[in-house]
N, C-alpha and C. Protein backbone atom coordinates (compact mmCIF):
# COMPACT_ATOMS: atom_id res chain seq x y z
N MET A 1 31.79 15.75 -36.83
CA MET A 1 32.14 14.36 -36.80
C MET A 1 31.89 13.69 -38.16
N VAL A 2 30.76 14.05 -38.81
CA VAL A 2 30.42 13.43 -40.09
C VAL A 2 31.46 13.77 -41.16
N LEU A 3 32.10 14.92 -41.04
CA LEU A 3 33.13 15.29 -42.01
C LEU A 3 34.34 14.37 -41.94
N ARG A 4 34.60 13.86 -40.77
CA ARG A 4 35.76 12.99 -40.59
C ARG A 4 35.46 11.53 -40.91
N TYR A 5 34.27 11.05 -40.52
CA TYR A 5 33.97 9.62 -40.63
C TYR A 5 32.85 9.27 -41.59
N GLY A 6 32.19 10.24 -42.16
CA GLY A 6 31.05 9.94 -43.02
C GLY A 6 31.43 9.38 -44.37
N GLU A 7 30.47 8.73 -44.99
CA GLU A 7 30.64 8.24 -46.36
C GLU A 7 30.59 9.42 -47.32
N LEU A 8 31.22 9.26 -48.47
CA LEU A 8 31.32 10.34 -49.45
C LEU A 8 30.41 10.04 -50.64
N VAL A 9 29.65 11.05 -51.06
CA VAL A 9 28.83 10.97 -52.27
C VAL A 9 29.12 12.22 -53.09
N MET A 10 29.48 12.03 -54.34
CA MET A 10 29.71 13.18 -55.23
C MET A 10 28.36 13.70 -55.72
N LEU A 11 28.21 15.01 -55.68
CA LEU A 11 27.00 15.68 -56.16
C LEU A 11 27.38 16.56 -57.33
N SER A 12 26.44 17.26 -57.88
CA SER A 12 26.76 18.17 -58.98
C SER A 12 25.97 19.46 -58.85
N ALA A 13 26.50 20.48 -59.49
CA ALA A 13 25.83 21.77 -59.59
C ALA A 13 25.30 21.86 -61.01
N ILE A 14 24.07 22.35 -61.13
CA ILE A 14 23.45 22.47 -62.45
C ILE A 14 22.89 23.87 -62.63
N ASN A 15 22.70 24.25 -63.88
CA ASN A 15 22.09 25.55 -64.16
C ASN A 15 20.58 25.36 -64.36
N GLU A 16 19.88 26.42 -64.72
CA GLU A 16 18.42 26.34 -64.86
C GLU A 16 17.98 25.41 -66.00
N LEU A 17 18.89 25.10 -66.92
CA LEU A 17 18.58 24.15 -68.00
C LEU A 17 18.97 22.72 -67.62
N ARG A 18 19.36 22.52 -66.36
CA ARG A 18 19.79 21.23 -65.81
C ARG A 18 21.09 20.73 -66.43
N GLU A 19 21.92 21.68 -66.86
CA GLU A 19 23.23 21.34 -67.42
C GLU A 19 24.28 21.41 -66.32
N PHE A 20 25.20 20.49 -66.35
CA PHE A 20 26.28 20.39 -65.36
C PHE A 20 27.18 21.62 -65.42
N ILE A 21 27.56 22.14 -64.25
CA ILE A 21 28.48 23.28 -64.14
C ILE A 21 29.80 22.74 -63.58
N PRO A 22 30.83 22.64 -64.41
CA PRO A 22 32.08 22.01 -63.95
C PRO A 22 32.89 22.83 -62.94
N ASP A 23 32.63 24.14 -62.85
CA ASP A 23 33.41 25.01 -61.95
C ASP A 23 33.00 24.90 -60.49
N ILE A 24 31.93 24.17 -60.20
CA ILE A 24 31.46 24.04 -58.82
C ILE A 24 31.70 22.59 -58.37
N LEU A 25 32.54 22.44 -57.37
CA LEU A 25 32.80 21.13 -56.78
C LEU A 25 31.77 20.89 -55.68
N CYS A 26 30.99 19.82 -55.81
CA CYS A 26 29.93 19.51 -54.84
C CYS A 26 30.06 18.07 -54.37
N TYR A 27 29.91 17.90 -53.07
CA TYR A 27 29.89 16.55 -52.51
C TYR A 27 29.19 16.58 -51.17
N ALA A 28 28.87 15.39 -50.69
CA ALA A 28 28.23 15.26 -49.38
C ALA A 28 28.97 14.20 -48.60
N ARG A 29 29.07 14.43 -47.30
CA ARG A 29 29.55 13.40 -46.36
C ARG A 29 28.34 13.08 -45.49
N PHE A 30 28.03 11.79 -45.35
CA PHE A 30 26.82 11.43 -44.61
C PHE A 30 27.07 10.28 -43.65
N SER A 31 26.28 10.29 -42.60
CA SER A 31 26.19 9.18 -41.66
C SER A 31 24.71 8.90 -41.48
N LEU A 32 24.37 8.05 -40.56
CA LEU A 32 22.97 7.66 -40.40
C LEU A 32 22.07 8.85 -40.04
N MET A 33 22.55 9.76 -39.20
CA MET A 33 21.69 10.85 -38.71
C MET A 33 22.05 12.24 -39.23
N GLU A 34 23.19 12.38 -39.89
CA GLU A 34 23.62 13.71 -40.32
C GLU A 34 24.31 13.65 -41.67
N THR A 35 24.11 14.71 -42.44
CA THR A 35 24.77 14.87 -43.73
C THR A 35 25.26 16.31 -43.82
N VAL A 36 26.43 16.49 -44.40
CA VAL A 36 26.93 17.82 -44.68
C VAL A 36 27.16 17.91 -46.19
N ILE A 37 26.56 18.92 -46.80
CA ILE A 37 26.71 19.15 -48.23
C ILE A 37 27.66 20.33 -48.41
N ILE A 38 28.66 20.15 -49.25
CA ILE A 38 29.67 21.19 -49.47
C ILE A 38 29.74 21.50 -50.95
N ALA A 39 29.73 22.77 -51.27
CA ALA A 39 29.90 23.23 -52.65
C ALA A 39 30.96 24.33 -52.65
N THR A 40 31.89 24.25 -53.58
CA THR A 40 32.97 25.23 -53.68
C THR A 40 33.04 25.75 -55.11
N ASN A 41 33.06 27.07 -55.23
CA ASN A 41 33.20 27.71 -56.54
C ASN A 41 34.69 27.78 -56.88
N LEU A 42 35.11 27.09 -57.92
CA LEU A 42 36.52 27.04 -58.32
C LEU A 42 36.83 28.00 -59.46
N SER A 43 35.93 28.91 -59.75
CA SER A 43 36.15 29.84 -60.86
C SER A 43 36.48 31.24 -60.35
N ASP A 44 36.86 32.10 -61.27
CA ASP A 44 37.19 33.49 -60.95
C ASP A 44 35.95 34.38 -60.86
N ASP A 45 34.79 33.85 -61.19
CA ASP A 45 33.56 34.64 -61.22
C ASP A 45 32.53 34.09 -60.23
N THR A 46 31.60 34.94 -59.85
CA THR A 46 30.48 34.50 -59.03
C THR A 46 29.62 33.57 -59.88
N ARG A 47 29.18 32.47 -59.30
CA ARG A 47 28.37 31.49 -60.01
C ARG A 47 27.02 31.31 -59.32
N LYS A 48 25.97 31.24 -60.14
CA LYS A 48 24.63 30.92 -59.65
C LYS A 48 24.32 29.52 -60.14
N PHE A 49 23.75 28.70 -59.25
CA PHE A 49 23.55 27.30 -59.59
C PHE A 49 22.49 26.69 -58.67
N PHE A 50 22.08 25.49 -59.03
CA PHE A 50 21.20 24.66 -58.22
C PHE A 50 21.99 23.42 -57.82
N LEU A 51 21.80 22.95 -56.61
CA LEU A 51 22.42 21.70 -56.18
C LEU A 51 21.57 20.54 -56.66
N ASP A 52 22.19 19.59 -57.33
CA ASP A 52 21.51 18.37 -57.74
C ASP A 52 21.80 17.32 -56.67
N LEU A 53 20.82 17.09 -55.81
CA LEU A 53 20.99 16.18 -54.68
C LEU A 53 20.43 14.80 -54.96
N SER A 54 20.11 14.50 -56.20
CA SER A 54 19.48 13.23 -56.55
C SER A 54 20.34 12.02 -56.16
N GLN A 55 21.65 12.18 -56.07
CA GLN A 55 22.52 11.08 -55.68
C GLN A 55 22.31 10.68 -54.22
N LEU A 56 21.72 11.57 -53.43
CA LEU A 56 21.46 11.26 -52.03
C LEU A 56 20.17 10.46 -51.83
N LEU A 57 19.28 10.52 -52.79
CA LEU A 57 17.98 9.85 -52.65
C LEU A 57 18.12 8.34 -52.40
N PRO A 58 18.93 7.61 -53.18
CA PRO A 58 19.06 6.17 -52.90
C PRO A 58 19.66 5.88 -51.52
N VAL A 59 20.54 6.74 -51.07
CA VAL A 59 21.16 6.58 -49.76
C VAL A 59 20.10 6.71 -48.66
N TYR A 60 19.28 7.75 -48.77
CA TYR A 60 18.26 8.00 -47.76
C TYR A 60 17.11 7.00 -47.83
N GLN A 61 16.73 6.57 -49.03
CA GLN A 61 15.59 5.67 -49.17
C GLN A 61 15.84 4.32 -48.51
N LYS A 62 17.10 3.96 -48.33
CA LYS A 62 17.41 2.69 -47.66
C LYS A 62 17.01 2.73 -46.18
N ALA A 63 17.06 3.91 -45.57
CA ALA A 63 16.85 4.00 -44.12
C ALA A 63 15.63 4.81 -43.69
N TYR A 64 15.09 5.65 -44.57
CA TYR A 64 14.05 6.57 -44.15
C TYR A 64 12.87 6.58 -45.11
N THR A 65 11.71 7.02 -44.60
CA THR A 65 10.53 7.20 -45.44
C THR A 65 10.51 8.63 -45.97
N ASN A 66 9.59 8.89 -46.91
CA ASN A 66 9.45 10.24 -47.45
C ASN A 66 8.91 11.23 -46.43
N ASN A 67 8.29 10.74 -45.35
CA ASN A 67 7.75 11.62 -44.31
C ASN A 67 8.77 11.98 -43.24
N THR A 68 10.00 11.55 -43.40
CA THR A 68 11.05 11.89 -42.45
C THR A 68 11.33 13.39 -42.55
N VAL A 69 11.44 14.05 -41.42
CA VAL A 69 11.70 15.49 -41.38
C VAL A 69 13.20 15.72 -41.17
N VAL A 70 13.73 16.67 -41.94
CA VAL A 70 15.14 17.04 -41.78
C VAL A 70 15.26 18.52 -41.43
N MET A 71 16.26 18.82 -40.62
CA MET A 71 16.56 20.20 -40.26
C MET A 71 17.74 20.65 -41.12
N ILE A 72 17.58 21.78 -41.80
CA ILE A 72 18.59 22.30 -42.71
C ILE A 72 19.18 23.57 -42.10
N LYS A 73 20.50 23.60 -42.03
CA LYS A 73 21.19 24.74 -41.42
C LYS A 73 22.42 25.07 -42.24
N ASN A 74 22.60 26.36 -42.53
CA ASN A 74 23.82 26.81 -43.20
C ASN A 74 24.91 26.87 -42.14
N VAL A 75 25.97 26.09 -42.34
CA VAL A 75 27.01 25.97 -41.32
C VAL A 75 27.93 27.19 -41.30
N ILE A 76 28.25 27.73 -42.47
CA ILE A 76 29.21 28.84 -42.54
C ILE A 76 28.61 30.15 -42.07
N SER A 77 27.41 30.49 -42.54
CA SER A 77 26.76 31.71 -42.05
C SER A 77 25.69 31.30 -41.06
N ASP A 78 26.04 31.33 -39.80
CA ASP A 78 25.21 30.80 -38.72
C ASP A 78 24.18 31.80 -38.21
N ASP A 79 23.81 32.80 -39.00
CA ASP A 79 22.93 33.85 -38.51
C ASP A 79 21.44 33.60 -38.77
N SER A 80 21.11 32.53 -39.46
CA SER A 80 19.70 32.27 -39.76
C SER A 80 19.19 31.07 -38.97
N ASP A 81 17.88 31.06 -38.77
CA ASP A 81 17.25 29.93 -38.09
C ASP A 81 17.25 28.72 -39.03
N PRO A 82 17.23 27.53 -38.47
CA PRO A 82 17.18 26.35 -39.34
C PRO A 82 15.83 26.26 -40.04
N SER A 83 15.83 25.57 -41.17
CA SER A 83 14.60 25.30 -41.91
C SER A 83 14.28 23.83 -41.77
N TYR A 84 13.01 23.50 -41.87
CA TYR A 84 12.57 22.12 -41.76
C TYR A 84 11.86 21.72 -43.04
N TYR A 85 12.25 20.59 -43.59
CA TYR A 85 11.65 20.05 -44.80
C TYR A 85 11.42 18.57 -44.61
N PHE A 86 10.50 18.04 -45.41
CA PHE A 86 10.42 16.60 -45.52
C PHE A 86 11.60 16.17 -46.38
N LEU A 87 12.11 15.00 -46.13
CA LEU A 87 13.33 14.54 -46.78
C LEU A 87 13.28 14.64 -48.30
N ARG A 88 12.23 14.10 -48.89
CA ARG A 88 12.15 14.14 -50.35
C ARG A 88 11.99 15.57 -50.87
N GLU A 89 11.27 16.40 -50.15
CA GLU A 89 11.14 17.81 -50.54
C GLU A 89 12.51 18.46 -50.62
N PHE A 90 13.33 18.22 -49.61
CA PHE A 90 14.66 18.82 -49.60
C PHE A 90 15.51 18.30 -50.75
N ILE A 91 15.48 17.00 -51.00
CA ILE A 91 16.28 16.42 -52.08
C ILE A 91 15.89 17.02 -53.43
N GLU A 92 14.60 17.25 -53.63
CA GLU A 92 14.12 17.75 -54.91
C GLU A 92 14.00 19.28 -54.96
N LEU A 93 14.37 19.93 -53.89
CA LEU A 93 14.28 21.39 -53.81
C LEU A 93 15.15 22.05 -54.87
N ARG A 94 14.57 23.00 -55.57
CA ARG A 94 15.34 23.74 -56.57
C ARG A 94 15.48 25.19 -56.08
N LYS A 95 16.42 25.36 -55.19
CA LYS A 95 16.70 26.68 -54.64
C LYS A 95 18.02 27.16 -55.22
N GLN A 96 17.96 28.30 -55.86
CA GLN A 96 19.18 28.81 -56.49
C GLN A 96 20.18 29.27 -55.43
N GLN A 97 21.42 28.86 -55.63
CA GLN A 97 22.53 29.25 -54.76
C GLN A 97 23.43 30.20 -55.53
N SER A 98 24.15 31.02 -54.82
CA SER A 98 25.12 31.92 -55.44
C SER A 98 26.39 31.90 -54.60
N LEU A 99 27.51 31.71 -55.29
CA LEU A 99 28.80 31.68 -54.59
C LEU A 99 29.79 32.60 -55.28
N PRO A 100 30.41 33.50 -54.52
CA PRO A 100 31.50 34.31 -55.09
C PRO A 100 32.69 33.39 -55.44
N SER A 101 33.62 33.92 -56.19
CA SER A 101 34.77 33.12 -56.61
C SER A 101 35.54 32.58 -55.41
N TYR A 102 35.93 31.34 -55.53
CA TYR A 102 36.74 30.62 -54.53
C TYR A 102 36.14 30.64 -53.12
N ARG A 103 34.83 30.59 -53.05
CA ARG A 103 34.12 30.50 -51.77
C ARG A 103 33.36 29.19 -51.71
N SER A 104 32.98 28.82 -50.50
CA SER A 104 32.25 27.57 -50.30
C SER A 104 30.98 27.80 -49.51
N LEU A 105 30.08 26.86 -49.62
CA LEU A 105 28.92 26.81 -48.74
C LEU A 105 28.87 25.43 -48.13
N MET A 106 28.36 25.38 -46.92
CA MET A 106 28.23 24.13 -46.18
C MET A 106 26.83 24.07 -45.59
N ILE A 107 26.11 23.02 -45.93
CA ILE A 107 24.75 22.86 -45.45
C ILE A 107 24.68 21.59 -44.60
N SER A 108 24.19 21.75 -43.40
CA SER A 108 24.02 20.61 -42.50
C SER A 108 22.59 20.10 -42.64
N VAL A 109 22.45 18.79 -42.83
CA VAL A 109 21.15 18.14 -42.93
C VAL A 109 21.08 17.14 -41.79
N THR A 110 20.19 17.38 -40.84
CA THR A 110 20.07 16.52 -39.67
C THR A 110 18.69 15.86 -39.65
N ILE A 111 18.68 14.56 -39.48
CA ILE A 111 17.42 13.83 -39.38
C ILE A 111 16.79 14.16 -38.03
N CYS A 112 15.53 14.57 -38.04
CA CYS A 112 14.83 14.92 -36.80
C CYS A 112 14.13 13.70 -36.23
N ASP A 113 14.11 13.62 -34.92
CA ASP A 113 13.37 12.56 -34.24
C ASP A 113 11.88 12.74 -34.50
N ASP A 114 11.13 11.67 -34.28
CA ASP A 114 9.68 11.75 -34.44
C ASP A 114 9.11 12.70 -33.39
N ASP A 115 8.82 13.91 -33.81
CA ASP A 115 8.27 14.93 -32.94
C ASP A 115 7.05 15.52 -33.66
N GLN A 116 5.88 15.37 -33.07
CA GLN A 116 4.65 15.82 -33.72
C GLN A 116 4.64 17.32 -33.99
N PHE A 117 5.23 18.10 -33.10
CA PHE A 117 5.29 19.55 -33.30
C PHE A 117 6.09 19.89 -34.55
N ILE A 118 7.25 19.29 -34.69
CA ILE A 118 8.10 19.55 -35.86
C ILE A 118 7.44 19.02 -37.13
N PHE A 119 6.80 17.86 -37.03
CA PHE A 119 6.11 17.30 -38.20
C PHE A 119 5.00 18.24 -38.66
N LYS A 120 4.20 18.75 -37.72
CA LYS A 120 3.11 19.68 -38.07
C LYS A 120 3.66 20.97 -38.66
N LYS A 121 4.75 21.47 -38.07
CA LYS A 121 5.38 22.69 -38.59
C LYS A 121 5.86 22.47 -40.02
N CYS A 122 6.46 21.34 -40.26
CA CYS A 122 6.98 21.00 -41.58
C CYS A 122 5.83 20.87 -42.59
N LEU A 123 4.76 20.22 -42.20
CA LEU A 123 3.60 20.05 -43.08
C LEU A 123 2.95 21.40 -43.37
N THR A 124 2.86 22.25 -42.36
CA THR A 124 2.32 23.60 -42.56
C THR A 124 3.18 24.39 -43.53
N ASN A 125 4.51 24.30 -43.39
CA ASN A 125 5.42 24.98 -44.31
C ASN A 125 5.25 24.46 -45.73
N SER A 126 5.05 23.17 -45.88
CA SER A 126 4.85 22.58 -47.19
C SER A 126 3.56 23.11 -47.83
N ILE A 127 2.52 23.21 -47.03
CA ILE A 127 1.25 23.75 -47.55
C ILE A 127 1.42 25.20 -47.97
N GLU A 128 2.13 25.99 -47.15
CA GLU A 128 2.36 27.39 -47.50
C GLU A 128 3.19 27.53 -48.78
N ARG A 129 4.22 26.71 -48.94
CA ARG A 129 5.03 26.74 -50.17
C ARG A 129 4.18 26.35 -51.37
N THR A 130 3.30 25.37 -51.17
CA THR A 130 2.41 24.93 -52.25
C THR A 130 1.49 26.07 -52.67
N LYS A 131 0.92 26.77 -51.70
CA LYS A 131 0.05 27.92 -52.00
C LYS A 131 0.81 28.99 -52.78
N ARG A 132 2.03 29.34 -52.29
CA ARG A 132 2.83 30.36 -52.97
C ARG A 132 3.15 29.95 -54.40
N ASN A 133 3.53 28.69 -54.59
CA ASN A 133 3.87 28.21 -55.92
C ASN A 133 2.65 28.18 -56.85
N LEU A 134 1.50 27.81 -56.31
CA LEU A 134 0.29 27.83 -57.13
C LEU A 134 -0.07 29.25 -57.55
N LEU A 135 0.04 30.19 -56.62
CA LEU A 135 -0.26 31.59 -56.95
C LEU A 135 0.73 32.15 -57.96
N ALA A 136 1.99 31.70 -57.89
CA ALA A 136 3.01 32.16 -58.82
C ALA A 136 3.05 31.33 -60.10
N LYS A 137 2.12 30.37 -60.21
CA LYS A 137 2.04 29.48 -61.38
C LYS A 137 3.32 28.69 -61.60
N LYS A 138 3.90 28.25 -60.46
CA LYS A 138 5.10 27.40 -60.50
C LYS A 138 4.71 25.96 -60.20
N SER A 139 5.61 25.06 -60.47
CA SER A 139 5.38 23.64 -60.23
C SER A 139 5.28 23.36 -58.72
N ILE A 140 4.39 22.43 -58.38
CA ILE A 140 4.26 22.01 -56.98
C ILE A 140 4.62 20.53 -56.82
N GLU A 141 5.23 19.95 -57.82
CA GLU A 141 5.54 18.52 -57.81
C GLU A 141 6.39 18.10 -56.61
N THR A 142 7.31 18.93 -56.17
CA THR A 142 8.24 18.53 -55.13
C THR A 142 7.73 18.80 -53.72
N GLU A 143 6.60 19.45 -53.59
CA GLU A 143 6.07 19.74 -52.26
C GLU A 143 5.46 18.48 -51.66
N GLN A 144 5.69 18.26 -50.38
CA GLN A 144 5.24 17.04 -49.71
C GLN A 144 3.73 16.87 -49.78
N ILE A 145 3.00 17.94 -49.64
CA ILE A 145 1.54 17.84 -49.67
C ILE A 145 1.09 17.34 -51.03
N SER A 146 1.76 17.76 -52.09
CA SER A 146 1.46 17.28 -53.43
C SER A 146 1.83 15.80 -53.58
N LEU A 147 2.97 15.41 -53.01
CA LEU A 147 3.39 14.01 -53.06
C LEU A 147 2.41 13.11 -52.31
N LEU A 148 1.92 13.57 -51.16
CA LEU A 148 0.95 12.80 -50.39
C LEU A 148 -0.36 12.63 -51.16
N PHE A 149 -0.80 13.71 -51.81
CA PHE A 149 -2.04 13.64 -52.59
C PHE A 149 -1.87 12.70 -53.79
N THR A 150 -0.75 12.80 -54.48
CA THR A 150 -0.47 11.92 -55.61
C THR A 150 -0.45 10.46 -55.18
N ASP A 151 0.19 10.20 -54.06
CA ASP A 151 0.26 8.84 -53.53
C ASP A 151 -1.15 8.32 -53.21
N CYS A 152 -1.97 9.16 -52.64
CA CYS A 152 -3.34 8.77 -52.31
C CYS A 152 -4.13 8.47 -53.58
N VAL A 153 -3.99 9.30 -54.60
CA VAL A 153 -4.71 9.09 -55.86
C VAL A 153 -4.26 7.79 -56.53
N GLU A 154 -2.96 7.53 -56.50
CA GLU A 154 -2.43 6.35 -57.18
C GLU A 154 -2.75 5.05 -56.43
N HIS A 155 -2.70 5.06 -55.10
CA HIS A 155 -2.82 3.83 -54.34
C HIS A 155 -4.18 3.63 -53.67
N ASN A 156 -4.86 4.71 -53.33
CA ASN A 156 -6.16 4.60 -52.63
C ASN A 156 -7.16 5.60 -53.20
N PRO A 157 -7.51 5.50 -54.50
CA PRO A 157 -8.40 6.52 -55.08
C PRO A 157 -9.80 6.53 -54.45
N THR A 158 -10.21 5.45 -53.82
CA THR A 158 -11.53 5.41 -53.20
C THR A 158 -11.58 6.23 -51.92
N ASP A 159 -10.42 6.61 -51.38
CA ASP A 159 -10.37 7.41 -50.14
C ASP A 159 -10.65 8.89 -50.40
N ILE A 160 -10.69 9.28 -51.65
CA ILE A 160 -10.87 10.71 -51.97
C ILE A 160 -12.34 11.06 -51.99
């Protein structure tokens, strides 16, 4: 339904140096509760890229908090279980994608209702990702647990 009636936001594909890749057409169609992200490789070669979803952040910030949980599902290859992220984590996620020539990917982003079980699962996943990134000496800036800690330090340092 969101593909037919949703609002359109143009997105971009970037490489590891954060440079725009013109051969990948990226956009999102969104409604209040669902977003579909589509990327299509328009080149003759397989392309590896990162989705730059920063254009979605202002759209989501109007209606949701950073603690909103989203369910992420690959629409085209329906063989994997959905993943759960906090909204801002997903927007800032730097997960490399790979597309063969003239192929597309479709990612469904669904806003989850306030469910304590899903929230705890999402927070646990964020902590696990933070641990893995710390052990691998990677950045943890985009992990929700890191964002919560930073917010606490900036706004309520006496609570620590």
